[in-house]
Amino acid sequence: MFYEELYPELGKLFYWVAAADGNIKEAEKATLLRLIRENWKPLEDSTDEFGMDKANLIDFAFEFAETEENSDNYIQSFENFYRLNKSYFTPALINNILQTSKSIAKAYRGENKKEKEIQAQLVNLFEN
């Protein structure tokens, strides 16, 4: 149940990282899809009623976020989710989140100032 709720939160969080500079680049989307396949799907084996790996919810939430007008609440949503579920966040899971967000940020011309601020905000969240 935890991952079923986590994955949409991650999709919104990763969208927030990718959209930090005002627009989503194809390289950022491609990086996210690769990391879902390589890092998130192997993490646990939950599937939906159609047999699809629930880690795909990350991508679905990311794509849905692209249709929304206000992404400012996405980081707050993730922070609230984290605080409510902190005991489920293992060091490995936290590392995966940080590495995924950093990889998305670096996917197009490296990290910019705003993306570095986001990384620092995430690190700070996980340290407190």
C-alpha atoms as a PDB file:
ATOM      1  CA  MET A   1       0.000   0.000   0.000  1.00  0.00           C
ATOM      2  CA  PHE A   2       2.855   2.408   0.794  1.00  0.00           C
ATOM      3  CA  TYR A   3       4.335   2.219  -2.722  1.00  0.00           C
ATOM      4  CA  GLU A   4       0.916   2.676  -4.296  1.00  0.00           C
ATOM      5  CA  GLU A   5       0.735   6.050  -2.539  1.00  0.00           C
ATOM      6  CA  LEU A   6       4.437   6.848  -2.888  1.00  0.00           C
ATOM      7  CA  TYR A   7       4.707   6.492  -6.652  1.00  0.00           C
ATOM      8  CA  PRO A   8       2.240   9.286  -7.559  1.00  0.00           C
ATOM      9  CA  GLU A   9       3.969  11.548  -5.042  1.00  0.00           C
ATOM     10  CA  LEU A  10       7.303  10.775  -6.696  1.00  0.00           C
ATOM     11  CA  GLY A  11       5.864  11.501 -10.134  1.00  0.00           C
ATOM     12  CA  LYS A  12       4.807  14.953  -8.972  1.00  0.00           C
ATOM     13  CA  LEU A  13       8.118  15.511  -7.189  1.00  0.00           C
ATOM     14  CA  PHE A  14      10.152  14.536 -10.229  1.00  0.00           C
ATOM     15  CA  TYR A  15       7.957  16.758 -12.412  1.00  0.00           C
ATOM     16  CA  TRP A  16       8.689  19.632 -10.044  1.00  0.00           C
ATOM     17  CA  VAL A  17      12.425  18.992 -10.460  1.00  0.00           C
ATOM     18  CA  ALA A  18      12.183  18.792 -14.257  1.00  0.00           C
ATOM     19  CA  ALA A  19      10.020  21.915 -14.462  1.00  0.00           C
ATOM     20  CA  ALA A  20      12.317  23.993 -12.244  1.00  0.00           C
ATOM     21  CA  ASP A  21      13.623  25.951 -15.227  1.00  0.00           C
ATOM     22  CA  GLY A  22      10.160  26.607 -16.635  1.00  0.00           C
ATOM     23  CA  ASN A  23       9.832  23.803 -19.175  1.00  0.00           C
ATOM     24  CA  ILE A  24      10.292  20.072 -19.452  1.00  0.00           C
ATOM     25  CA  LYS A  25      13.015  18.832 -21.780  1.00  0.00           C
ATOM     26  CA  GLU A  26      12.819  15.523 -23.630  1.00  0.00           C
ATOM     27  CA  ALA A  27      16.123  14.479 -22.054  1.00  0.00           C
ATOM     28  CA  GLU A  28      14.568  14.882 -18.609  1.00  0.00           C
ATOM     29  CA  LYS A  29      11.594  12.705 -19.536  1.00  0.00           C
ATOM     30  CA  ALA A  30      13.855  10.082 -21.088  1.00  0.00           C
ATOM     31  CA  THR A  31      16.014  10.016 -17.966  1.00  0.00           C
ATOM     32  CA  LEU A  32      12.963   9.543 -15.763  1.00  0.00           C
ATOM     33  CA  LEU A  33      11.653   6.672 -17.902  1.00  0.00           C
ATOM     34  CA  ARG A  34      15.051   4.977 -17.858  1.00  0.00           C
ATOM     35  CA  LEU A  35      15.345   5.312 -14.087  1.00  0.00           C
ATOM     36  CA  ILE A  36      11.825   3.991 -13.543  1.00  0.00           C
ATOM     37  CA  ARG A  37      12.779   0.939 -15.564  1.00  0.00           C
ATOM     38  CA  GLU A  38      16.244   0.461 -14.038  1.00  0.00           C
ATOM     39  CA  ASN A  39      15.840   1.630 -10.429  1.00  0.00           C
ATOM     40  CA  TRP A  40      12.198   1.797  -9.436  1.00  0.00           C
ATOM     41  CA  LYS A  41      10.655  -1.302 -10.975  1.00  0.00           C
ATOM     42  CA  PRO A  42      13.193  -3.659  -9.349  1.00  0.00           C
ATOM     43  CA  LEU A  43      12.617  -2.007  -5.949  1.00  0.00           C
ATOM     44  CA  GLU A  44       9.463  -3.993  -5.221  1.00  0.00           C
ATOM     45  CA  ASP A  45       7.114  -6.167  -7.217  1.00  0.00           C
ATOM     46  CA  SER A  46       3.615  -4.721  -6.867  1.00  0.00           C
ATOM     47  CA  THR A  47       1.381  -4.802  -9.920  1.00  0.00           C
ATOM     48  CA  ASP A  48      -2.065  -3.489 -10.712  1.00  0.00           C
ATOM     49  CA  GLU A  49      -5.089  -5.561 -11.713  1.00  0.00           C
ATOM     50  CA  PHE A  50      -3.781  -5.651 -15.305  1.00  0.00           C
ATOM     51  CA  GLY A  51      -0.366  -6.981 -14.293  1.00  0.00           C
ATOM     52  CA  MET A  52       1.447  -3.666 -14.920  1.00  0.00           C
ATOM     53  CA  ASP A  53       4.213  -2.744 -12.493  1.00  0.00           C
ATOM     54  CA  LYS A  54       2.956  -0.042 -10.140  1.00  0.00           C
ATOM     55  CA  ALA A  55       6.225   1.857 -10.510  1.00  0.00           C
ATOM     56  CA  ASN A  56       4.691   3.127 -13.763  1.00  0.00           C
ATOM     57  CA  LEU A  57       2.498   5.331 -11.568  1.00  0.00           C
ATOM     58  CA  ILE A  58       5.541   7.593 -11.293  1.00  0.00           C
ATOM     59  CA  ASP A  59       5.390   8.296 -15.021  1.00  0.00           C
ATOM     60  CA  PHE A  60       1.590   8.595 -15.055  1.00  0.00           C
ATOM     61  CA  ALA A  61       1.689  11.178 -12.255  1.00  0.00           C
ATOM     62  CA  PHE A  62       4.523  13.046 -14.004  1.00  0.00           C
ATOM     63  CA  GLU A  63       2.492  13.212 -17.220  1.00  0.00           C
ATOM     64  CA  PHE A  64      -0.636  14.308 -15.365  1.00  0.00           C
ATOM     65  CA  ALA A  65       1.353  17.050 -13.625  1.00  0.00           C
ATOM     66  CA  GLU A  66       2.285  18.394 -17.053  1.00  0.00           C
ATOM     67  CA  THR A  67      -1.397  19.126 -17.670  1.00  0.00           C
ATOM     68  CA  GLU A  68      -1.838  21.018 -14.408  1.00  0.00           C
ATOM     69  CA  GLU A  69      -1.289  24.752 -14.168  1.00  0.00           C
ATOM     70  CA  ASN A  70       0.119  25.027 -10.668  1.00  0.00           C
ATOM     71  CA  SER A  71       2.975  22.779  -9.621  1.00  0.00           C
ATOM     72  CA  ASP A  72       4.001  24.847  -6.606  1.00  0.00           C
ATOM     73  CA  ASN A  73       2.144  22.548  -4.252  1.00  0.00           C
ATOM     74  CA  TYR A  74       3.949  19.404  -5.462  1.00  0.00           C
ATOM     75  CA  ILE A  75       6.926  19.798  -3.155  1.00  0.00           C
ATOM     76  CA  GLN A  76       4.627  20.560  -0.245  1.00  0.00           C
ATOM     77  CA  SER A  77       2.563  17.476  -1.086  1.00  0.00           C
ATOM     78  CA  PHE A  78       5.693  15.320  -1.097  1.00  0.00           C
ATOM     79  CA  GLU A  79       6.967  16.844   2.156  1.00  0.00           C
ATOM     80  CA  ASN A  80       3.619  16.148   3.842  1.00  0.00           C
ATOM     81  CA  PHE A  81       3.609  12.575   2.520  1.00  0.00           C
ATOM     82  CA  TYR A  82       7.162  12.044   3.747  1.00  0.00           C
ATOM     83  CA  ARG A  83       6.397  13.342   7.233  1.00  0.00           C
ATOM     84  CA  LEU A  84       3.307  11.118   7.513  1.00  0.00           C
ATOM     85  CA  ASN A  85       5.201   8.031   6.294  1.00  0.00           C
ATOM     86  CA  LYS A  86       8.748   8.726   7.483  1.00  0.00           C
ATOM     87  CA  SER A  87       9.161   5.278   9.038  1.00  0.00           C
ATOM     88  CA  TYR A  88       8.800   3.636   5.600  1.00  0.00           C
ATOM     89  CA  PHE A  89      11.589   5.672   4.027  1.00  0.00           C
ATOM     90  CA  THR A  90      14.667   3.480   4.218  1.00  0.00           C
ATOM     91  CA  PRO A  91      18.133   4.879   3.473  1.00  0.00           C
ATOM     92  CA  ALA A  92      18.061   2.979   0.155  1.00  0.00           C
ATOM     93  CA  LEU A  93      14.723   4.523  -0.805  1.00  0.00           C
ATOM     94  CA  ILE A  94      15.896   8.013   0.130  1.00  0.00           C
ATOM     95  CA  ASN A  95      19.067   7.508  -1.888  1.00  0.00           C
ATOM     96  CA  ASN A  96      17.015   6.370  -4.886  1.00  0.00           C
ATOM     97  CA  ILE A  97      14.831   9.480  -4.653  1.00  0.00           C
ATOM     98  CA  LEU A  98      17.839  11.789  -4.400  1.00  0.00           C
ATOM     99  CA  GLN A  99      19.696  10.065  -7.232  1.00  0.00           C
ATOM    100  CA  THR A 100      16.638  10.129  -9.495  1.00  0.00           C
ATOM    101  CA  SER A 101      15.968  13.809  -8.881  1.00  0.00           C
ATOM    102  CA  LYS A 102      19.645  14.657  -9.390  1.00  0.00           C
ATOM    103  CA  SER A 103      19.780  12.660 -12.634  1.00  0.00           C
ATOM    104  CA  ILE A 104      16.681  14.436 -13.942  1.00  0.00           C
ATOM    105  CA  ALA A 105      18.193  17.802 -13.034  1.00  0.00           C
ATOM    106  CA  LYS A 106      21.452  16.974 -14.817  1.00  0.00           C
ATOM    107  CA  ALA A 107      19.784  15.442 -17.892  1.00  0.00           C
ATOM    108  CA  TYR A 108      19.694  18.705 -19.822  1.00  0.00           C
ATOM    109  CA  ARG A 109      22.793  20.895 -19.659  1.00  0.00           C
ATOM    110  CA  GLY A 110      23.566  20.045 -16.048  1.00  0.00           C
ATOM    111  CA  GLU A 111      22.001  21.431 -12.901  1.00  0.00           C
ATOM    112  CA  ASN A 112      20.965  25.044 -12.773  1.00  0.00           C
ATOM    113  CA  LYS A 113      20.667  27.183  -9.640  1.00  0.00           C
ATOM    114  CA  LYS A 114      17.000  26.368  -9.047  1.00  0.00           C
ATOM    115  CA  GLU A 115      17.605  22.626  -9.446  1.00  0.00           C
ATOM    116  CA  LYS A 116      20.465  22.786  -6.950  1.00  0.00           C
ATOM    117  CA  GLU A 117      18.154  24.544  -4.504  1.00  0.00           C
ATOM    118  CA  ILE A 118      15.614  21.743  -4.951  1.00  0.00           C
ATOM    119  CA  GLN A 119      18.287  19.120  -4.279  1.00  0.00           C
ATOM    120  CA  ALA A 120      19.320  20.955  -1.118  1.00  0.00           C
ATOM    121  CA  GLN A 121      15.684  21.191  -0.023  1.00  0.00           C
ATOM    122  CA  LEU A 122      15.246  17.431  -0.485  1.00  0.00           C
ATOM    123  CA  VAL A 123      18.440  16.617   1.399  1.00  0.00           C
ATOM    124  CA  ASN A 124      17.320  18.897   4.207  1.00  0.00           C
ATOM    125  CA  LEU A 125      13.905  17.226   4.325  1.00  0.00           C
ATOM    126  CA  PHE A 126      15.425  13.761   4.617  1.00  0.00           C
ATOM    127  CA  GLU A 127      17.958  14.840   7.267  1.00  0.00           C
ATOM    128  CA  ASN A 128      15.289  16.261   9.592  1.00  0.00           C
END
